Protein backbone atom coordinates (compact mmCIF):
# COMPACT_ATOMS: atom_id res chain seq x y z
CA UNK A 1 -157.59 -155.11 -31.09
CA UNK A 2 -158.18 -158.74 -31.49
CA UNK A 3 -161.23 -160.69 -31.19
CA UNK A 4 -161.05 -164.34 -30.14
CA UNK A 5 -163.87 -167.16 -30.52
CA UNK A 6 -163.15 -170.78 -29.59
CA UNK A 7 -165.87 -172.40 -31.55
CA UNK A 8 -164.20 -172.38 -34.80
CA UNK A 9 -163.45 -175.98 -36.18
CA UNK A 10 -159.74 -175.79 -36.70
CA UNK A 11 -158.95 -171.95 -36.42
CA UNK A 12 -157.43 -170.53 -33.38
CA UNK A 13 -157.81 -166.92 -32.23
CA UNK A 14 -160.53 -165.98 -35.18
CA UNK A 15 -162.07 -162.61 -34.53
CA UNK A 16 -165.42 -163.25 -36.27
CA UNK A 17 -168.34 -161.98 -34.03
CA UNK A 18 -171.35 -163.91 -33.51
CA UNK A 19 -174.90 -163.06 -32.36
CA UNK A 20 -177.80 -165.17 -31.22
CA UNK A 21 -181.60 -164.41 -32.12
CA UNK A 22 -181.11 -161.18 -33.96
CA UNK A 23 -181.85 -160.55 -37.57
CA UNK A 24 -182.33 -156.98 -39.71
CA UNK A 25 -185.21 -157.09 -42.07
CA UNK A 26 -185.59 -154.52 -44.67
CA UNK A 27 -183.51 -151.33 -43.88
CA UNK A 28 -183.59 -150.99 -40.06
CA UNK A 29 -183.31 -147.46 -39.11
CA UNK A 30 -182.04 -146.10 -35.56
CA UNK A 31 -180.41 -142.97 -34.04
CA UNK A 32 -178.42 -142.36 -30.72
CA UNK A 33 -180.94 -140.40 -28.72
CA UNK A 34 -180.54 -138.63 -25.45
CA UNK A 35 -181.92 -141.65 -23.58
CA UNK A 36 -179.63 -144.11 -25.53
CA UNK A 37 -176.64 -141.99 -24.47
CA UNK A 38 -177.50 -141.87 -20.84
CA UNK A 39 -177.79 -145.78 -20.94
CA UNK A 40 -174.97 -146.71 -23.54
CA UNK A 41 -172.52 -143.68 -23.20
CA UNK A 42 -169.51 -146.11 -23.02
CA UNK A 43 -170.17 -148.00 -26.43
CA UNK A 44 -168.30 -146.96 -29.68
CA UNK A 45 -168.55 -147.73 -33.33
CA UNK A 46 -165.68 -148.15 -35.77
CA UNK A 47 -165.20 -146.34 -38.95
CA UNK A 48 -165.25 -148.39 -41.96
CA UNK A 49 -164.05 -147.27 -45.36
CA UNK A 50 -165.26 -148.63 -48.77
CA UNK A 51 -161.94 -148.38 -50.91
CA UNK A 52 -159.95 -149.79 -53.48
CA UNK A 53 -157.31 -152.68 -52.47
CA UNK A 54 -154.79 -155.04 -53.53
CA UNK A 55 -155.47 -158.72 -52.57
CA UNK A 56 -153.36 -161.43 -54.17
CA UNK A 57 -152.19 -159.12 -56.83
CA UNK A 58 -155.91 -158.16 -57.94
CA UNK A 59 -157.39 -154.91 -57.26
CA UNK A 60 -160.93 -154.92 -55.95
CA UNK A 61 -163.34 -152.79 -53.84
CA UNK A 62 -163.48 -153.59 -49.98
CA UNK A 63 -164.97 -152.37 -46.68
CA UNK A 64 -161.96 -152.01 -44.57
CA UNK A 65 -162.28 -151.39 -40.65
CA UNK A 66 -160.19 -148.76 -38.95
CA UNK A 67 -159.98 -151.25 -35.84
CA UNK A 68 -157.70 -148.96 -33.89
CA UNK A 69 -159.91 -146.04 -34.11
CA UNK A 70 -163.01 -146.00 -31.59
CA UNK A 71 -165.78 -143.16 -31.87
CA UNK A 72 -168.05 -142.87 -28.74
CA UNK A 73 -171.80 -142.79 -29.60
CA UNK A 74 -171.65 -139.32 -27.87
CA UNK A 75 -169.59 -137.87 -30.54
CA UNK A 76 -170.94 -135.27 -32.78
CA UNK A 77 -169.74 -137.57 -35.77
CA UNK A 78 -172.43 -139.84 -34.83
CA UNK A 79 -175.50 -137.56 -34.72
CA UNK A 80 -178.23 -138.01 -37.19
CA UNK A 81 -180.01 -141.33 -38.14
CA UNK A 82 -178.29 -144.54 -39.17
CA UNK A 83 -179.28 -147.35 -41.70
CA UNK A 84 -178.10 -150.97 -41.27
CA UNK A 85 -176.43 -151.87 -44.53
CA UNK A 86 -175.74 -155.50 -43.81
CA UNK A 87 -175.97 -158.01 -40.81
CA UNK A 88 -174.49 -160.70 -42.86
CA UNK A 89 -170.70 -159.92 -42.64
CA UNK A 90 -167.75 -160.80 -40.37
CA UNK A 91 -163.98 -160.05 -40.21
CA UNK A 92 -160.63 -161.78 -39.23
CA UNK A 93 -157.55 -160.39 -37.57
CA UNK A 94 -155.45 -162.06 -40.03
CA UNK A 95 -155.28 -162.16 -43.97
CA UNK A 96 -156.64 -165.40 -45.52
CA UNK A 97 -155.10 -165.39 -49.02
CA UNK A 98 -157.53 -165.41 -51.82
CA UNK A 99 -160.36 -165.10 -49.62
CA UNK A 100 -160.11 -161.53 -47.51
CA UNK A 101 -157.64 -159.20 -45.76
CA UNK A 102 -156.92 -158.50 -42.25
CA UNK A 103 -160.01 -156.41 -40.82
CA UNK A 104 -161.75 -156.56 -44.00
CA UNK A 105 -165.63 -156.79 -43.25
CA UNK A 106 -167.22 -158.90 -45.89
CA UNK A 107 -169.50 -161.97 -46.28
CA UNK A 108 -166.81 -164.09 -47.53
CA UNK A 109 -165.72 -164.53 -43.89
CA UNK A 110 -168.68 -165.96 -43.10
CA UNK A 111 -168.96 -168.43 -45.88
CA UNK A 112 -165.22 -169.30 -45.17
CA UNK A 113 -165.99 -170.19 -41.58
CA UNK A 114 -169.42 -171.72 -42.36
CA UNK A 115 -171.04 -169.44 -40.06
CA UNK A 116 -174.51 -168.30 -40.13
CA UNK A 117 -174.70 -165.42 -38.16
CA UNK A 118 -172.68 -162.29 -37.45
CA UNK A 119 -172.21 -160.44 -34.38
CA UNK A 120 -171.57 -157.00 -36.09
CA UNK A 121 -173.50 -154.51 -38.27
CA UNK A 122 -172.29 -152.27 -41.17
CA UNK A 123 -174.26 -148.92 -40.47
CA UNK A 124 -174.26 -145.82 -42.53
CA UNK A 125 -175.23 -142.30 -41.43
CA UNK A 126 -178.06 -141.15 -43.68
CA UNK A 127 -176.67 -137.34 -43.30
CA UNK A 128 -172.92 -137.98 -43.83
CA UNK A 129 -173.00 -141.34 -45.83
CA UNK A 130 -170.19 -142.34 -43.76
CA UNK A 131 -169.83 -146.08 -42.74
CA UNK A 132 -169.23 -147.86 -39.50
CA UNK A 133 -168.84 -150.99 -37.91
CA UNK A 134 -171.47 -151.39 -34.88
CA UNK A 135 -171.99 -154.31 -32.45
CA UNK A 136 -175.30 -155.92 -33.07
CA UNK A 137 -175.83 -156.40 -29.49
CA UNK A 138 -175.72 -152.68 -28.83
CA UNK A 139 -178.62 -152.30 -31.30
CA UNK A 140 -180.46 -155.11 -29.81
CA UNK A 141 -180.11 -153.66 -26.24
CA UNK A 142 -181.15 -150.21 -27.64
CA UNK A 143 -184.21 -151.69 -29.23
CA UNK A 144 -185.22 -153.41 -25.65
CA UNK A 145 -184.44 -150.43 -23.92
CA UNK A 146 -186.79 -148.38 -26.07
CA UNK A 147 -189.58 -150.94 -25.60
CA UNK A 148 -189.12 -150.88 -21.97
CA UNK A 149 -189.38 -147.05 -21.88
CA UNK A 150 -192.63 -147.48 -24.10
CA UNK A 151 -193.96 -149.99 -21.74
CA UNK A 152 -193.13 -148.07 -18.54
CA UNK A 153 -194.78 -145.05 -20.04
CA UNK A 154 -197.90 -146.95 -20.98
CA UNK A 155 -198.04 -148.46 -17.54
CA UNK A 156 -197.56 -145.18 -16.04
CA UNK A 157 -200.48 -143.74 -17.84
CA UNK A 158 -202.71 -146.75 -16.99
CA UNK A 159 -201.99 -146.23 -13.18
CA UNK A 160 -202.49 -142.46 -13.35
CA UNK A 161 -205.86 -142.75 -15.15
CA UNK A 162 -206.82 -145.62 -12.68
CA UNK A 163 -205.94 -143.67 -9.38
CA UNK A 164 -207.68 -140.34 -10.73
CA UNK A 165 -210.73 -142.72 -11.39
CA UNK A 166 -210.87 -143.68 -7.80
CA UNK A 167 -211.09 -140.08 -7.05
CA UNK A 168 -207.35 -139.46 -5.89
CA UNK A 169 -205.22 -136.45 -7.12
CA UNK A 170 -201.97 -137.76 -8.44
CA UNK A 171 -198.51 -136.14 -8.52
CA UNK A 172 -195.31 -137.51 -10.33
CA UNK A 173 -191.90 -137.65 -8.74
CA UNK A 174 -189.12 -138.96 -10.97
CA UNK A 175 -191.32 -140.87 -12.97
CA UNK A 176 -193.39 -142.47 -10.27
CA UNK A 177 -196.68 -141.65 -9.18
CA UNK A 178 -197.90 -140.86 -5.76
CA UNK A 179 -201.30 -139.87 -4.04
CA UNK A 180 -201.95 -138.48 -0.63
CA UNK A 181 -204.31 -140.01 1.84
CA UNK A 182 -204.97 -138.04 5.09
CA UNK A 183 -201.78 -139.31 6.74
CA UNK A 184 -199.71 -140.97 3.99
CA UNK A 185 -198.17 -140.41 0.47
CA UNK A 186 -198.64 -143.72 -1.25
CA UNK A 187 -196.32 -144.75 -3.91
CA UNK A 188 -198.62 -146.08 -6.82
CA UNK A 189 -197.71 -149.03 -8.97
CA UNK A 190 -199.10 -152.17 -10.56
CA UNK A 191 -199.32 -153.84 -6.89
CA UNK A 192 -201.53 -150.84 -5.70
CA UNK A 193 -203.95 -151.09 -8.56
CA UNK A 194 -204.38 -154.88 -8.02
CA UNK A 195 -205.08 -154.13 -4.20
CA UNK A 196 -207.52 -151.41 -4.94
CA UNK A 197 -209.27 -153.38 -7.66
CA UNK A 198 -209.84 -156.15 -4.92
CA UNK A 199 -210.58 -153.40 -2.23
CA UNK A 200 -211.56 -150.04 -3.19
CA UNK A 201 -211.35 -148.90 0.33
CA UNK A 202 -207.94 -150.06 1.13
CA UNK A 203 -206.32 -146.64 1.32
CA UNK A 204 -209.08 -145.38 3.51
CA UNK A 205 -208.43 -148.25 5.89
CA UNK A 206 -204.78 -147.24 5.96
CA UNK A 207 -205.87 -143.92 7.38
CA UNK A 208 -208.29 -145.91 9.94
CA UNK A 209 -205.36 -148.15 10.95
CA UNK A 210 -202.97 -145.09 11.66
CA UNK A 211 -205.70 -143.62 13.54
CA UNK A 212 -206.25 -146.64 15.63
CA UNK A 213 -202.49 -146.89 16.20
CA UNK A 214 -202.33 -143.53 17.48
CA UNK A 215 -205.15 -143.84 19.91
CA UNK A 216 -203.45 -147.00 21.35
CA UNK A 217 -200.25 -145.35 21.75
CA UNK A 218 -201.78 -142.45 23.59
CA UNK A 219 -203.27 -145.22 25.90
CA UNK A 220 -199.79 -146.87 26.10
CA UNK A 221 -198.11 -143.67 27.19
CA UNK A 222 -200.67 -143.21 29.70
CA UNK A 223 -199.84 -146.55 31.39
CA UNK A 224 -196.28 -145.29 32.12
CA UNK A 225 -196.98 -143.28 35.55
CA UNK A 226 -199.22 -146.07 36.44
CA UNK A 227 -196.61 -148.69 35.87
CA UNK A 228 -194.02 -146.26 37.73
CA UNK A 229 -196.49 -146.09 40.87
CA UNK A 230 -196.46 -149.95 41.05
CA UNK A 231 -192.89 -150.51 40.52
CA UNK A 232 -192.25 -147.79 43.35
CA UNK A 233 -194.42 -149.62 45.77
CA UNK A 234 -192.83 -152.98 44.97
CA UNK A 235 -189.38 -151.61 45.64
CA UNK A 236 -190.71 -150.43 48.83
CA UNK A 237 -193.00 -152.92 50.00
CA UNK A 238 -191.79 -156.19 48.03
CA UNK A 239 -193.79 -159.12 49.63
CA UNK A 240 -196.03 -156.58 51.78
CA UNK A 241 -197.85 -155.24 48.83
CA UNK A 242 -201.48 -155.49 49.41
CA UNK A 243 -203.96 -157.91 47.42
CA UNK A 244 -205.50 -154.87 45.99
CA UNK A 245 -202.53 -153.27 44.56
CA UNK A 246 -201.03 -156.65 43.06
CA UNK A 247 -204.73 -157.32 41.61
CA UNK A 248 -204.64 -153.68 40.04
CA UNK A 249 -201.08 -154.04 38.89
CA UNK A 250 -201.90 -157.59 37.39
CA UNK A 251 -204.94 -156.03 35.29
CA UNK A 252 -202.67 -152.99 34.20
CA UNK A 253 -199.94 -155.37 33.13
CA UNK A 254 -202.44 -157.57 31.00
CA UNK A 255 -204.27 -154.69 29.65
CA UNK A 256 -200.79 -153.04 28.78
CA UNK A 257 -199.67 -156.42 27.02
CA UNK A 258 -202.94 -156.32 24.72
CA UNK A 259 -202.29 -152.80 23.85
CA UNK A 260 -198.66 -153.60 22.83
CA UNK A 261 -199.74 -156.41 20.72
CA UNK A 262 -202.32 -154.15 19.07
CA UNK A 263 -199.60 -151.37 18.54
CA UNK A 264 -197.28 -153.87 16.87
CA UNK A 265 -199.92 -155.46 14.59
CA UNK A 266 -200.91 -152.03 13.39
CA UNK A 267 -197.34 -150.88 12.86
CA UNK A 268 -196.65 -154.10 10.75
CA UNK A 269 -199.66 -153.24 8.46
CA UNK A 270 -198.41 -149.65 7.90
CA UNK A 271 -194.81 -150.71 7.54
CA UNK A 272 -192.99 -149.37 4.37
CA UNK A 273 -195.61 -146.38 4.01
CA UNK A 274 -194.39 -142.89 4.08
CA UNK A 275 -196.08 -140.68 6.85
CA UNK A 276 -196.99 -137.24 6.09
CA UNK A 277 -196.11 -136.72 9.92
CA UNK A 278 -193.36 -138.07 11.99
CA UNK A 279 -195.85 -139.77 14.61
CA UNK A 280 -193.39 -142.70 15.13
CA UNK A 281 -190.53 -140.58 16.13
CA UNK A 282 -192.60 -138.91 18.83
CA UNK A 283 -193.92 -142.26 20.24
CA UNK A 284 -190.31 -143.78 20.18
CA UNK A 285 -189.44 -141.25 23.02
CA UNK A 286 -191.75 -143.36 25.34
CA UNK A 287 -191.98 -146.73 24.04
CA UNK A 288 -188.64 -147.99 25.27
CA UNK A 289 -189.79 -147.16 28.98
CA UNK A 290 -193.14 -148.60 28.66
CA UNK A 291 -191.56 -152.17 27.44
CA UNK A 292 -189.25 -151.85 30.16
CA UNK A 293 -192.02 -151.49 32.64
CA UNK A 294 -194.08 -154.01 30.80
CA UNK A 295 -191.54 -156.81 31.06
CA UNK A 296 -190.20 -156.04 34.40
CA UNK A 297 -194.01 -156.18 35.56
CA UNK A 298 -194.61 -159.46 33.56
CA UNK A 299 -191.46 -161.14 35.34
CA UNK A 300 -192.34 -159.91 38.95
CA UNK A 301 -196.09 -161.06 38.57
CA UNK A 302 -195.18 -164.16 36.67
CA UNK A 303 -197.79 -163.34 33.93
């Protein structure tokens, strides 16, 4: 496996991995818990052995990476807690005589290339005392995910408490809080809290809008037979329709047009909310016929 970085001054294909804005203070501890495994299951660590080596006819101890062996973080070998031993080391995919060997993890690599930050960590399993090379970006991402989970949990608790303080019984589904009004199941988030802080009666207004809309829909459905009556008269009588019939038809059309606008406005206000009953599907059985009659009447009467 070869890591390439083009920013070295005169060295090509160098395998030092670099990280920005990450530092380890004291002994950083972590573990691969269930939440980590769900999010980062595809990540791996590389075994590191601290052993005696021969370098330029000298014998010394060194951290050597088993670069061809990748251990998934879901492996039983990586159970337990870990300590970050160092974030000051780097490695190269070639020997540099008198300095370091191929895949030797050491600080000399950082000094040799005058690099200030490393992209890898030397970590130790506290239970087994085994050593591993780990990408520092993984630990950074794990910490960020942990912070996000804690923030989300705190936010959820706050939302739940607020909704209950408003007198609503809450329920939680897949980590999301809901409350039920008379006609709707409302998803509760920070936006919901913000709206209710400005208008405590908002959810009651939603039920009110629903009732208004359903009342208007009943009126709309009641116009269909009336429209049908005038449509039949027009097909038979055409220009011979009486002024009284035309006047009544005109009044009906104007009234129906206002009803339609109100229905559309209320539907827009309720858009995206989850109804506890499927009132809209039932209305759609009639709405197309109503719109056809309204459009035809508007055209014939020149309204």
